[in-house]
N, C-alpha and C. Protein backbone atom coordinates (compact mmCIF):
# COMPACT_ATOMS: atom_id res chain seq x y z
N MET A 1 127.34 -71.31 -40.35
CA MET A 1 128.35 -70.49 -39.70
C MET A 1 128.16 -70.58 -38.19
N PRO A 2 129.24 -70.80 -37.43
CA PRO A 2 129.12 -70.92 -35.97
C PRO A 2 128.73 -69.58 -35.34
N ASP A 3 128.11 -69.67 -34.17
CA ASP A 3 127.77 -68.47 -33.42
C ASP A 3 129.04 -67.75 -33.00
N PRO A 4 128.98 -66.42 -32.95
CA PRO A 4 130.17 -65.69 -32.50
C PRO A 4 130.44 -65.96 -31.02
N HIS A 5 131.67 -65.85 -30.65
CA HIS A 5 132.07 -66.02 -29.25
C HIS A 5 131.34 -64.96 -28.41
N PRO A 6 130.92 -65.30 -27.19
CA PRO A 6 130.21 -64.32 -26.36
C PRO A 6 130.97 -63.01 -26.15
N LEU A 7 132.30 -63.08 -26.05
CA LEU A 7 133.07 -61.85 -25.88
C LEU A 7 133.07 -61.01 -27.15
N ASP A 8 133.05 -61.67 -28.31
CA ASP A 8 132.93 -60.93 -29.57
C ASP A 8 131.57 -60.25 -29.64
N HIS A 9 130.55 -60.96 -29.19
CA HIS A 9 129.20 -60.39 -29.17
C HIS A 9 129.16 -59.17 -28.25
N LEU A 10 129.76 -59.30 -27.06
CA LEU A 10 129.81 -58.18 -26.12
C LEU A 10 130.53 -56.99 -26.75
N LYS A 11 131.67 -57.25 -27.36
CA LYS A 11 132.44 -56.17 -27.99
C LYS A 11 131.61 -55.46 -29.05
N ASN A 12 130.96 -56.22 -29.91
CA ASN A 12 130.14 -55.62 -30.96
C ASN A 12 128.99 -54.82 -30.38
N THR A 13 128.38 -55.35 -29.33
CA THR A 13 127.28 -54.63 -28.68
C THR A 13 127.78 -53.31 -28.10
N LEU A 14 128.92 -53.34 -27.42
CA LEU A 14 129.45 -52.13 -26.81
C LEU A 14 129.89 -51.11 -27.87
N VAL A 15 130.45 -51.58 -28.96
CA VAL A 15 130.88 -50.68 -30.03
C VAL A 15 129.67 -49.99 -30.66
N ASN A 16 128.57 -50.71 -30.81
CA ASN A 16 127.43 -50.20 -31.56
C ASN A 16 126.33 -49.54 -30.74
N SER A 17 126.37 -49.63 -29.42
CA SER A 17 125.26 -49.11 -28.62
C SER A 17 125.73 -48.21 -27.47
N PRO A 18 125.49 -46.89 -27.59
CA PRO A 18 125.84 -46.00 -26.49
C PRO A 18 125.12 -46.36 -25.19
N ALA A 19 123.90 -46.82 -25.28
CA ALA A 19 123.14 -47.20 -24.08
C ALA A 19 123.79 -48.41 -23.40
N LYS A 20 124.24 -49.37 -24.17
CA LYS A 20 124.91 -50.54 -23.59
C LYS A 20 126.25 -50.15 -22.97
N ARG A 21 126.95 -49.19 -23.59
CA ARG A 21 128.21 -48.72 -23.02
C ARG A 21 127.95 -48.08 -21.66
N ALA A 22 126.92 -47.25 -21.58
CA ALA A 22 126.59 -46.59 -20.32
C ALA A 22 126.21 -47.62 -19.26
N SER A 23 125.42 -48.61 -19.64
CA SER A 23 125.00 -49.66 -18.72
C SER A 23 126.20 -50.48 -18.24
N PHE A 24 127.09 -50.83 -19.15
CA PHE A 24 128.27 -51.61 -18.82
C PHE A 24 129.16 -50.85 -17.84
N LEU A 25 129.38 -49.55 -18.10
CA LEU A 25 130.20 -48.74 -17.23
C LEU A 25 129.55 -48.59 -15.86
N ALA A 26 128.24 -48.38 -15.84
CA ALA A 26 127.52 -48.27 -14.56
C ALA A 26 127.64 -49.56 -13.76
N GLY A 27 127.54 -50.70 -14.42
CA GLY A 27 127.67 -51.98 -13.74
C GLY A 27 129.06 -52.18 -13.17
N THR A 28 130.06 -51.76 -13.91
CA THR A 28 131.44 -51.87 -13.45
C THR A 28 131.67 -51.00 -12.22
N LEU A 29 131.17 -49.77 -12.28
CA LEU A 29 131.32 -48.86 -11.15
C LEU A 29 130.57 -49.38 -9.93
N GLU A 30 129.39 -49.93 -10.14
CA GLU A 30 128.60 -50.48 -9.03
C GLU A 30 129.32 -51.68 -8.39
N LEU A 31 129.90 -52.54 -9.21
CA LEU A 31 130.66 -53.67 -8.69
C LEU A 31 131.81 -53.19 -7.80
N LEU A 32 132.54 -52.19 -8.28
CA LEU A 32 133.64 -51.64 -7.50
C LEU A 32 133.14 -51.01 -6.21
N ARG A 33 132.04 -50.25 -6.31
CA ARG A 33 131.47 -49.61 -5.13
C ARG A 33 131.09 -50.66 -4.09
N ASN A 34 130.48 -51.74 -4.53
CA ASN A 34 130.06 -52.82 -3.62
C ASN A 34 131.24 -53.50 -2.94
N HIS A 35 132.43 -53.33 -3.51
CA HIS A 35 133.63 -53.92 -2.91
C HIS A 35 134.48 -52.87 -2.20
N GLY A 36 133.87 -51.74 -1.89
CA GLY A 36 134.52 -50.74 -1.06
C GLY A 36 135.35 -49.69 -1.77
N VAL A 37 135.31 -49.66 -3.10
CA VAL A 37 136.08 -48.65 -3.84
C VAL A 37 135.23 -47.38 -3.93
N ASN A 38 135.84 -46.25 -3.62
CA ASN A 38 135.14 -44.97 -3.67
C ASN A 38 135.10 -44.45 -5.11
N VAL A 39 134.12 -44.91 -5.87
CA VAL A 39 134.01 -44.50 -7.28
C VAL A 39 133.41 -43.11 -7.44
N ASP A 40 133.08 -42.46 -6.31
CA ASP A 40 132.62 -41.07 -6.37
C ASP A 40 133.80 -40.10 -6.38
N ASP A 41 134.99 -40.63 -6.15
CA ASP A 41 136.21 -39.82 -6.17
C ASP A 41 136.77 -39.83 -7.59
N PRO A 42 136.77 -38.67 -8.26
CA PRO A 42 137.28 -38.61 -9.64
C PRO A 42 138.71 -39.13 -9.79
N LYS A 43 139.53 -38.97 -8.75
CA LYS A 43 140.92 -39.45 -8.83
C LYS A 43 140.97 -40.98 -8.87
N VAL A 44 140.08 -41.62 -8.14
CA VAL A 44 140.01 -43.08 -8.15
C VAL A 44 139.55 -43.57 -9.52
N VAL A 45 138.52 -42.94 -10.05
CA VAL A 45 138.00 -43.32 -11.36
C VAL A 45 139.08 -43.14 -12.43
N GLU A 46 139.81 -42.05 -12.34
CA GLU A 46 140.89 -41.81 -13.30
C GLU A 46 142.00 -42.85 -13.15
N ARG A 47 142.37 -43.14 -11.91
CA ARG A 47 143.44 -44.12 -11.66
C ARG A 47 143.08 -45.49 -12.22
N LEU A 48 141.80 -45.85 -12.12
CA LEU A 48 141.35 -47.13 -12.66
C LEU A 48 141.12 -47.09 -14.17
N GLY A 49 141.23 -45.91 -14.76
CA GLY A 49 141.04 -45.78 -16.21
C GLY A 49 139.59 -45.89 -16.61
N LEU A 50 138.69 -45.54 -15.71
CA LEU A 50 137.26 -45.68 -16.01
C LEU A 50 136.59 -44.35 -16.37
N ASN A 51 137.37 -43.33 -16.61
CA ASN A 51 136.82 -42.06 -17.08
C ASN A 51 136.75 -42.13 -18.62
N LEU A 52 135.87 -43.00 -19.09
CA LEU A 52 135.78 -43.34 -20.51
C LEU A 52 134.78 -42.47 -21.25
N ASP A 53 135.06 -42.25 -22.52
CA ASP A 53 134.18 -41.50 -23.40
C ASP A 53 133.12 -42.45 -23.96
N LEU A 54 131.86 -42.20 -23.63
CA LEU A 54 130.78 -43.06 -24.09
C LEU A 54 130.40 -42.80 -25.55
N ALA A 55 130.88 -41.71 -26.13
CA ALA A 55 130.49 -41.35 -27.49
C ALA A 55 131.17 -42.19 -28.57
N ASP A 56 132.34 -42.71 -28.31
CA ASP A 56 133.12 -43.45 -29.31
C ASP A 56 133.23 -44.91 -28.90
N GLY A 57 132.49 -45.77 -29.59
CA GLY A 57 132.42 -47.19 -29.24
C GLY A 57 133.76 -47.90 -29.27
N GLN A 58 134.53 -47.70 -30.33
CA GLN A 58 135.83 -48.37 -30.45
C GLN A 58 136.78 -47.92 -29.34
N LYS A 59 136.81 -46.63 -29.08
CA LYS A 59 137.67 -46.08 -28.03
C LYS A 59 137.23 -46.60 -26.66
N PHE A 60 135.92 -46.69 -26.45
CA PHE A 60 135.39 -47.19 -25.19
C PHE A 60 135.84 -48.63 -24.95
N VAL A 61 135.72 -49.48 -25.96
CA VAL A 61 136.10 -50.89 -25.82
C VAL A 61 137.59 -51.01 -25.52
N LYS A 62 138.41 -50.24 -26.20
CA LYS A 62 139.84 -50.27 -25.92
C LYS A 62 140.12 -49.80 -24.50
N GLY A 63 139.40 -48.79 -24.05
CA GLY A 63 139.57 -48.29 -22.68
C GLY A 63 139.14 -49.29 -21.64
N THR A 64 138.06 -50.01 -21.90
CA THR A 64 137.61 -50.99 -20.91
C THR A 64 138.57 -52.16 -20.83
N THR A 65 139.20 -52.49 -21.93
CA THR A 65 140.19 -53.57 -21.91
C THR A 65 141.35 -53.18 -21.01
N ALA A 66 141.86 -51.97 -21.17
CA ALA A 66 142.95 -51.49 -20.32
C ALA A 66 142.49 -51.39 -18.88
N SER A 67 141.29 -50.88 -18.65
CA SER A 67 140.77 -50.73 -17.29
C SER A 67 140.60 -52.07 -16.61
N THR A 68 140.16 -53.07 -17.33
CA THR A 68 139.98 -54.40 -16.76
C THR A 68 141.30 -54.94 -16.24
N LEU A 69 142.36 -54.72 -16.98
CA LEU A 69 143.67 -55.17 -16.53
C LEU A 69 144.09 -54.44 -15.27
N ILE A 70 143.84 -53.15 -15.20
CA ILE A 70 144.19 -52.38 -14.01
C ILE A 70 143.37 -52.85 -12.81
N ILE A 71 142.09 -53.02 -13.00
CA ILE A 71 141.21 -53.45 -11.90
C ILE A 71 141.64 -54.82 -11.40
N THR A 72 141.97 -55.72 -12.31
CA THR A 72 142.38 -57.07 -11.92
C THR A 72 143.67 -57.02 -11.11
N ILE A 73 144.62 -56.22 -11.54
CA ILE A 73 145.90 -56.13 -10.86
C ILE A 73 145.75 -55.50 -9.48
N THR A 74 144.92 -54.49 -9.35
CA THR A 74 144.80 -53.79 -8.08
C THR A 74 143.84 -54.46 -7.12
N SER A 75 143.05 -55.42 -7.60
CA SER A 75 142.06 -56.07 -6.74
C SER A 75 142.67 -57.10 -5.83
C-alpha cells in the first residue's frame, strides 16, 4: 500500500491530536505576526477565521481550510 499523501497525514494528525492542533495554530499566528499582522487583536483573528476550537479535530481542520483561503486572498 502506498504511503499516504503528506497533506492527508497532516489532516489525520490535526484531527487526532489536540497538541498538534495547538502547535499548528501557534505556528500560523507566529507566521502572520512575523509579517506584520497584529494577531493580538481579537478582531483581526476573527476576520482571518483563526478563532478556532481546539477541542474538535474535524471542526478545526475545516476551519483551517477556510482560514487558509482567507489568509491567501488577503496576503
